[in-house]
């Protein structure tokens, strides 16, 4: 484990709640590779922030082991305080000091560090950190005169100025408006790649996780439900929770049949993934993303995996249209080209490509 930027084993943390103990983190373990962004993704209360705070040393866990760059910082009988963990951290609220200039905000961690850092070295490091986040030339400006995006970058510079082994990001973009958040997402990802700093990122925002991460751990009720690359998490979810939380998904229950097919209430469907992993007669859950569904205005001849439905509503959202189609008792959500001419009440045919159907397992 020596040299691994971050390794977490068997982490547990409970909190008292009305006389009972709520297990916020329950046997969580993962490793973060050199230079990657590893994201803990999940809804409120899933344990992601408690896990990050334990890594930071802001929470003392009930059990488990945390190793940062080969040094054990948490285990039974050992607890290294936050200031000795060689980490940088950016919180949801940036914590920018309004009475200080940009330079003084960025320099603060070095001025209070032990051992003391020489003034020339502080100036050199601050200049380098501000340049890295594209704030060179803003040194004398008061922090309150910065935009929201600039304050976010200043908080990042303050975290980087100590040259930490590990950067912890706790919902750093959640206070920005939607358009700025999207812009800062791309900028933060670019900065991380440019600096090559190992990062543990916590967010509930699926778009942030998918676009910025090397790997994602989706958390549910204090545990990791699935770990994988963004593409794996999105295209091949391992559980119903993961499929439902990460993006929009159409679900269909079925039974495994011979020949790589699944019998469903809308007919037998060919599936390309997971077809050989179970036994005939096993109950399974199929998941199909809206953009994977091909909508036809007339019945396609000789095409497999086609079901018939009636358009309930069509919603234009700019780059696409969300077309909701009723198939029996279920409404399917499909994402189509904005030029789609279907209207409510039209009969349409939905093609479900076999390679775009995820077989999750028993429902």
Foldseek 3Di string as FASTA:
>chain_A
DAQFQKWWFQFWAWDDDPNDIATLAGGETDTFHFLFEEEEAEDPSLNQVVVLCCQQLVDQTPAIWMAGNRRTQHHVPHHNHNLPNQEFEAAQPRPADQVDFLLCSLLVVQPPHPPHDDPVLSVVLLQVLCVLLVNHPRRGPGLVPDDPLVSLSSSVSSRPSSVGQEYEYHNSLVVDDPVVSVVSLVSVLVSSNVVSHGYYYYDHDLVSPLVRGQKYFYGGSNYGLDIDHSCCQAQAPQAPVSPPSRAHKDKWKFFQAPPQWTQTPQGIAHADPPNPVDDGGFIWMKIAHQAQKDKALDDDPPAGQKGKWFWAAWADDDQWIWTWTDGPPDIDTHTGGNVDPDGGGGMMMIHHDNHRMHINGHD
